[in-house]
Amino acid sequence: MCLAVPGKICAIDGVTATVDYGQGTTRQADISLVDAQVGDYVIVHAGFAIQILDEQEAEETLQLFREMLEAEHA
């Protein structure tokens, strides 16, 4: 199963962005496939940003992930 996770771009260096996934988790992602800027939300899959999201869409998706994790641990 493949999973693409939304995150917010904090910094960009060339085609590499630092993406914040929340709760202190940041990772590097290649943004060469999208025209993203600092502050944009992107979906990252296998280390590549594959789509830009609006903030509301990203937050809704992250909330669904949190709810799934809570249900799994209940």
C-alpha atoms as a PDB file:
ATOM      1  CA  MET A   1       0.000   0.000   0.000  1.00  0.00           C
ATOM      2  CA  CYS A   2       1.310   3.445  -0.890  1.00  0.00           C
ATOM      3  CA  LEU A   3       0.694   6.479   1.233  1.00  0.00           C
ATOM      4  CA  ALA A   4       1.052  10.126   0.265  1.00  0.00           C
ATOM      5  CA  VAL A   5       1.219  12.546   3.180  1.00  0.00           C
ATOM      6  CA  PRO A   6       0.457  16.281   3.206  1.00  0.00           C
ATOM      7  CA  GLY A   7       2.925  18.717   4.733  1.00  0.00           C
ATOM      8  CA  LYS A   8       3.830  22.397   4.708  1.00  0.00           C
ATOM      9  CA  ILE A   9       6.959  23.665   2.969  1.00  0.00           C
ATOM     10  CA  CYS A  10       9.189  25.505   5.468  1.00  0.00           C
ATOM     11  CA  ALA A  11      12.266  26.149   3.320  1.00  0.00           C
ATOM     12  CA  ILE A  12      13.500  25.550  -0.214  1.00  0.00           C
ATOM     13  CA  ASP A  13      17.042  24.963  -1.444  1.00  0.00           C
ATOM     14  CA  GLY A  14      17.050  24.403  -5.201  1.00  0.00           C
ATOM     15  CA  VAL A  15      14.630  21.543  -5.848  1.00  0.00           C
ATOM     16  CA  THR A  16      14.788  20.269  -2.268  1.00  0.00           C
ATOM     17  CA  ALA A  17      12.286  21.483   0.302  1.00  0.00           C
ATOM     18  CA  THR A  18      12.065  21.015   4.034  1.00  0.00           C
ATOM     19  CA  VAL A  19       8.516  19.839   4.674  1.00  0.00           C
ATOM     20  CA  ASP A  20       6.821  20.059   8.081  1.00  0.00           C
ATOM     21  CA  TYR A  21       4.374  17.222   8.732  1.00  0.00           C
ATOM     22  CA  GLY A  22       3.371  18.500  12.168  1.00  0.00           C
ATOM     23  CA  GLN A  23       4.276  17.618  15.735  1.00  0.00           C
ATOM     24  CA  GLY A  24       7.948  18.385  15.108  1.00  0.00           C
ATOM     25  CA  THR A  25       8.381  16.037  12.154  1.00  0.00           C
ATOM     26  CA  THR A  26      10.257  17.512   9.193  1.00  0.00           C
ATOM     27  CA  ARG A  27      11.755  15.764   6.181  1.00  0.00           C
ATOM     28  CA  GLN A  28      13.377  16.686   2.888  1.00  0.00           C
ATOM     29  CA  ALA A  29      11.365  16.292  -0.325  1.00  0.00           C
ATOM     30  CA  ASP A  30      12.102  16.844  -3.990  1.00  0.00           C
ATOM     31  CA  ILE A  31       9.765  19.549  -5.362  1.00  0.00           C
ATOM     32  CA  SER A  32      10.870  19.405  -8.999  1.00  0.00           C
ATOM     33  CA  LEU A  33       7.471  18.012 -10.072  1.00  0.00           C
ATOM     34  CA  VAL A  34       5.436  20.950  -8.710  1.00  0.00           C
ATOM     35  CA  ASP A  35       5.687  24.742  -8.705  1.00  0.00           C
ATOM     36  CA  ALA A  36       5.646  25.097  -4.912  1.00  0.00           C
ATOM     37  CA  GLN A  37       6.711  27.969  -2.693  1.00  0.00           C
ATOM     38  CA  VAL A  38       7.503  28.323   1.015  1.00  0.00           C
ATOM     39  CA  GLY A  39       4.207  28.148   2.907  1.00  0.00           C
ATOM     40  CA  ASP A  40       2.495  25.884   0.368  1.00  0.00           C
ATOM     41  CA  TYR A  41       1.017  22.565   1.406  1.00  0.00           C
ATOM     42  CA  VAL A  42       2.048  19.610  -0.734  1.00  0.00           C
ATOM     43  CA  ILE A  43       1.357  15.896  -0.896  1.00  0.00           C
ATOM     44  CA  VAL A  44       4.614  13.945  -0.668  1.00  0.00           C
ATOM     45  CA  HIS A  45       4.976  10.388  -1.928  1.00  0.00           C
ATOM     46  CA  ALA A  46       8.269   8.478  -1.964  1.00  0.00           C
ATOM     47  CA  GLY A  47      10.227  11.666  -1.291  1.00  0.00           C
ATOM     48  CA  PHE A  48       8.632  13.707  -4.100  1.00  0.00           C
ATOM     49  CA  ALA A  49       6.035  16.448  -3.771  1.00  0.00           C
ATOM     50  CA  ILE A  50       3.400  15.373  -6.282  1.00  0.00           C
ATOM     51  CA  GLN A  51       0.617  17.910  -5.743  1.00  0.00           C
ATOM     52  CA  ILE A  52      -0.051  21.278  -4.119  1.00  0.00           C
ATOM     53  CA  LEU A  53      -3.023  21.454  -1.727  1.00  0.00           C
ATOM     54  CA  ASP A  54      -4.836  24.349  -0.149  1.00  0.00           C
ATOM     55  CA  GLU A  55      -4.436  24.629   3.620  1.00  0.00           C
ATOM     56  CA  GLN A  56      -7.981  23.472   4.443  1.00  0.00           C
ATOM     57  CA  GLU A  57      -7.645  20.331   2.323  1.00  0.00           C
ATOM     58  CA  ALA A  58      -4.283  19.518   3.925  1.00  0.00           C
ATOM     59  CA  GLU A  59      -5.618  20.025   7.463  1.00  0.00           C
ATOM     60  CA  GLU A  60      -8.661  17.841   6.763  1.00  0.00           C
ATOM     61  CA  THR A  61      -6.426  15.051   5.475  1.00  0.00           C
ATOM     62  CA  LEU A  62      -4.091  15.301   8.472  1.00  0.00           C
ATOM     63  CA  GLN A  63      -7.090  15.196  10.819  1.00  0.00           C
ATOM     64  CA  LEU A  64      -8.293  11.988   9.139  1.00  0.00           C
ATOM     65  CA  PHE A  65      -4.851  10.426   9.657  1.00  0.00           C
ATOM     66  CA  ARG A  66      -4.949  11.416  13.358  1.00  0.00           C
ATOM     67  CA  GLU A  67      -8.431   9.907  13.757  1.00  0.00           C
ATOM     68  CA  MET A  68      -7.317   6.646  12.133  1.00  0.00           C
ATOM     69  CA  LEU A  69      -4.348   6.408  14.488  1.00  0.00           C
ATOM     70  CA  GLU A  70      -6.544   7.106  17.516  1.00  0.00           C
ATOM     71  CA  ALA A  71      -9.054   4.452  16.439  1.00  0.00           C
ATOM     72  CA  GLU A  72      -6.235   1.943  15.940  1.00  0.00           C
ATOM     73  CA  HIS A  73      -4.931   2.539  19.469  1.00  0.00           C
ATOM     74  CA  ALA A  74      -8.348   2.556  21.144  1.00  0.00           C
END
